[in-house]
Amino acid sequence: MRNMVLSSQRLDLFHLLIVSVFKVFIILILDLSSIAYSASVDPNIEWKVIETEHFKIIYDSQLHSVARLYAWQAERAHSFLEPIFKEHPSKTHVLISDSTDFANGSARFLPYPQITVFPVMPGDLDSLGHYDNWAAELMIHEYTHILAFEPSHGFYTPFRYLFGSLVHPTGLLPSWWHEGLAVEMETRFT
């Protein structure tokens, strides 16, 4: 009987190890996909940077007024969300990429907290077509993702010290939780 319990525990540990290795592999593959995306960016763009207290806005020099708008909306999002989340990165990079007609954005935490914004307004028939202030909604939504990745204290403190932003407690939560939280925040503050 004791041998069956031990072998069951070994199987559980083996299963946990396999699942963990698979998750790390998937994260690496998804992050490597950004390399393929970088090939779609015009190499002749003259990049500029606007630095605010909490953000570094990186943009094509032709999009200066758009970059100023998103810099303002980013700081505004921070003022709404900081009291809720308490912990935030020292700087979040915001890349404004006008390389697609896709109205959306994305957030990632590797190798540093970064939001990519596509400054395109959603179309009337788009599922995102019902908005009040698109730039505000997008920045609040994506910055919520960044802040949800950020907290790491208690048990996670030594792991965060050793592995940096690769380790975060909310990384094991399902995607519906992350998206639901971001939609809740954008709805609450817009």
Protein backbone atom coordinates (compact mmCIF):
# COMPACT_ATOMS: atom_id res chain seq x y z
CA MET A 1 0.00 0.00 0.00
CA ARG A 2 2.83 2.37 0.90
CA ASN A 3 4.52 1.71 -2.47
CA MET A 4 1.32 2.64 -4.31
CA VAL A 5 1.10 5.96 -2.41
CA LEU A 6 4.76 6.74 -3.19
CA SER A 7 4.37 5.88 -6.87
CA SER A 8 1.22 8.03 -7.03
CA GLN A 9 3.14 10.95 -5.52
CA ARG A 10 5.97 10.42 -7.99
CA LEU A 11 3.49 10.46 -10.88
CA ASP A 12 1.97 13.69 -9.55
CA LEU A 13 5.42 15.31 -9.31
CA PHE A 14 6.35 14.04 -12.76
CA HIS A 15 3.08 15.39 -14.18
CA LEU A 16 3.71 18.78 -12.52
CA LEU A 17 7.24 18.87 -13.94
CA ILE A 18 6.04 18.04 -17.47
CA VAL A 19 3.29 20.68 -17.32
CA SER A 20 5.74 23.31 -16.00
CA VAL A 21 8.31 22.57 -18.71
CA PHE A 22 5.57 22.74 -21.34
CA LYS A 23 4.39 26.14 -20.05
CA VAL A 24 7.92 27.55 -20.12
CA PHE A 25 8.34 26.21 -23.67
CA ILE A 26 5.09 27.86 -24.79
CA ILE A 27 6.08 31.19 -23.21
CA LEU A 28 9.43 31.09 -25.02
CA ILE A 29 7.79 30.24 -28.35
CA LEU A 30 5.29 33.07 -27.95
CA ASP A 31 8.04 35.51 -27.07
CA LEU A 32 10.09 34.39 -30.07
CA SER A 33 7.11 35.22 -32.27
CA SER A 34 7.91 38.87 -31.55
CA ILE A 35 11.07 38.41 -33.62
CA ALA A 36 8.94 37.53 -36.63
CA TYR A 37 6.76 40.57 -35.94
CA SER A 38 9.81 42.85 -35.90
CA ALA A 39 10.45 41.94 -39.53
CA SER A 40 7.19 43.73 -40.43
CA VAL A 41 8.45 47.11 -39.16
CA ASP A 42 9.90 49.56 -41.67
CA PRO A 43 13.67 49.82 -40.99
CA ASN A 44 13.68 53.47 -42.17
CA ILE A 45 11.49 54.72 -39.32
CA GLU A 46 13.03 57.49 -37.26
CA TRP A 47 12.16 56.42 -33.71
CA LYS A 48 11.59 58.98 -30.97
CA VAL A 49 10.95 58.62 -27.23
CA ILE A 50 8.74 60.55 -24.84
CA GLU A 51 9.54 59.77 -21.24
CA THR A 52 6.99 60.38 -18.49
CA GLU A 53 7.14 59.51 -14.81
CA HIS A 54 5.94 55.91 -15.32
CA PHE A 55 6.22 55.31 -19.08
CA LYS A 56 8.63 55.39 -21.96
CA ILE A 57 6.64 56.03 -25.16
CA ILE A 58 8.49 54.84 -28.28
CA TYR A 59 7.07 56.05 -31.59
CA ASP A 60 7.67 56.90 -35.23
CA SER A 61 8.61 60.60 -35.48
CA GLN A 62 5.64 61.11 -37.82
CA LEU A 63 3.28 60.11 -34.98
CA HIS A 64 4.34 62.77 -32.46
CA SER A 65 0.81 64.04 -31.70
CA VAL A 66 -0.46 60.45 -31.35
CA ALA A 67 2.45 59.66 -29.02
CA ARG A 68 1.64 62.69 -26.85
CA LEU A 69 -1.99 61.55 -26.62
CA TYR A 70 -0.99 58.02 -25.57
CA ALA A 71 1.60 59.35 -23.10
CA TRP A 72 -1.13 61.41 -21.44
CA GLN A 73 -3.59 58.48 -21.48
CA ALA A 74 -0.93 56.16 -20.04
CA GLU A 75 -0.28 58.45 -17.07
CA ARG A 76 -4.04 58.87 -16.64
CA ALA A 77 -4.45 55.07 -16.62
CA HIS A 78 -1.69 54.87 -14.01
CA SER A 79 -3.49 57.38 -11.77
CA PHE A 80 -6.69 55.29 -11.93
CA LEU A 81 -5.08 51.87 -11.48
CA GLU A 82 -2.22 52.50 -9.04
CA PRO A 83 -4.51 52.77 -5.97
CA ILE A 84 -6.03 49.39 -6.85
CA PHE A 85 -2.89 47.42 -7.70
CA LYS A 86 -0.40 49.21 -5.38
CA GLU A 87 2.70 47.70 -7.09
CA HIS A 88 3.89 48.85 -10.48
CA PRO A 89 7.07 48.64 -12.53
CA SER A 90 9.34 51.67 -12.44
CA LYS A 91 8.83 52.20 -16.19
CA THR A 92 6.56 50.54 -18.70
CA HIS A 93 7.58 50.78 -22.35
CA VAL A 94 4.79 51.71 -24.76
CA LEU A 95 5.51 51.05 -28.43
CA ILE A 96 3.23 52.85 -30.87
CA SER A 97 3.29 50.79 -34.03
CA ASP A 98 1.51 51.98 -37.15
CA SER A 99 2.35 48.84 -39.10
CA THR A 100 -1.16 47.39 -39.29
CA ASP A 101 -4.81 48.31 -39.71
CA PHE A 102 -5.64 46.14 -36.71
CA ALA A 103 -7.31 48.16 -33.93
CA ASN A 104 -5.93 46.77 -30.72
CA GLY A 105 -2.89 46.47 -28.52
CA SER A 106 -1.02 43.92 -26.46
CA ALA A 107 0.89 43.68 -23.22
CA ARG A 108 3.80 41.48 -22.26
CA PHE A 109 6.23 41.30 -19.41
CA LEU A 110 9.31 39.79 -21.08
CA PRO A 111 12.02 41.04 -21.14
CA TYR A 112 10.46 44.11 -19.47
CA PRO A 113 6.91 45.44 -19.11
CA GLN A 114 5.82 46.52 -22.58
CA ILE A 115 2.58 47.62 -24.19
CA THR A 116 2.24 47.69 -27.97
CA VAL A 117 -0.43 50.04 -29.29
CA PHE A 118 -1.80 50.03 -32.83
CA PRO A 119 -3.22 53.58 -33.16
CA VAL A 120 -6.11 52.58 -35.40
CA MET A 121 -9.72 53.34 -34.54
CA PRO A 122 -12.03 50.29 -34.53
CA GLY A 123 -14.52 50.09 -37.38
CA ASP A 124 -18.29 50.22 -36.86
CA LEU A 125 -18.64 46.49 -37.48
CA ASP A 126 -15.62 45.59 -35.37
CA SER A 127 -16.32 43.82 -32.06
CA LEU A 128 -14.39 46.68 -30.43
CA GLY A 129 -16.53 49.26 -32.24
CA HIS A 130 -18.47 50.45 -29.19
CA TYR A 131 -16.18 52.78 -27.28
CA ASP A 132 -16.28 56.19 -25.70
CA ASN A 133 -12.58 57.12 -25.74
CA TRP A 134 -10.56 54.50 -27.61
CA ALA A 135 -7.10 55.62 -26.46
CA ALA A 136 -8.23 55.69 -22.80
CA GLU A 137 -9.89 52.27 -23.00
CA LEU A 138 -6.89 50.72 -24.72
CA MET A 139 -4.32 52.12 -22.26
CA ILE A 140 -6.37 51.16 -19.18
CA HIS A 141 -6.94 47.65 -20.56
CA GLU A 142 -3.31 46.97 -21.50
CA TYR A 143 -1.83 48.63 -18.40
CA THR A 144 -4.12 46.46 -16.25
CA HIS A 145 -2.39 43.43 -17.80
CA ILE A 146 1.01 44.89 -16.90
CA LEU A 147 -0.03 45.61 -13.31
CA ALA A 148 -1.60 42.17 -12.91
CA PHE A 149 1.77 40.63 -13.82
CA GLU A 150 3.73 42.84 -11.44
CA PRO A 151 3.04 41.84 -7.82
CA SER A 152 5.49 39.41 -6.32
CA HIS A 153 6.03 39.32 -2.63
CA GLY A 154 6.06 36.71 0.10
CA PHE A 155 6.85 33.28 -1.34
CA TYR A 156 7.70 34.78 -4.77
CA THR A 157 10.24 37.37 -3.56
CA PRO A 158 13.40 35.21 -3.89
CA PHE A 159 12.22 33.84 -7.25
CA ARG A 160 11.58 37.35 -8.57
CA TYR A 161 15.04 38.37 -7.35
CA LEU A 162 16.67 35.43 -9.17
CA PHE A 163 14.56 35.27 -12.34
CA GLY A 164 13.27 38.82 -12.74
CA SER A 165 9.97 39.35 -14.52
CA LEU A 166 9.89 35.75 -15.73
CA VAL A 167 8.29 34.79 -12.40
CA HIS A 168 4.98 36.28 -11.33
CA PRO A 169 2.16 34.85 -9.19
CA THR A 170 -0.66 35.58 -11.63
CA GLY A 171 1.07 33.75 -14.47
CA LEU A 172 -0.72 30.53 -13.58
CA LEU A 173 -4.19 32.07 -13.65
CA PRO A 174 -6.38 31.36 -16.70
CA SER A 175 -6.53 33.88 -19.54
CA TRP A 176 -10.23 34.56 -18.88
CA TRP A 177 -9.20 35.95 -15.48
CA HIS A 178 -6.63 38.32 -17.01
CA GLU A 179 -8.99 39.49 -19.76
CA GLY A 180 -11.94 39.79 -17.38
CA LEU A 181 -9.91 41.95 -14.99
CA ALA A 182 -8.71 44.21 -17.83
CA VAL A 183 -12.24 44.62 -19.22
CA GLU A 184 -13.55 45.35 -15.70
CA MET A 185 -10.97 48.12 -15.22
CA GLU A 186 -11.55 49.69 -18.65
CA THR A 187 -15.31 49.62 -18.01
CA ARG A 188 -14.96 51.11 -14.54
CA PHE A 189 -12.75 54.03 -15.59
CA THR A 190 -14.13 55.01 -19.01
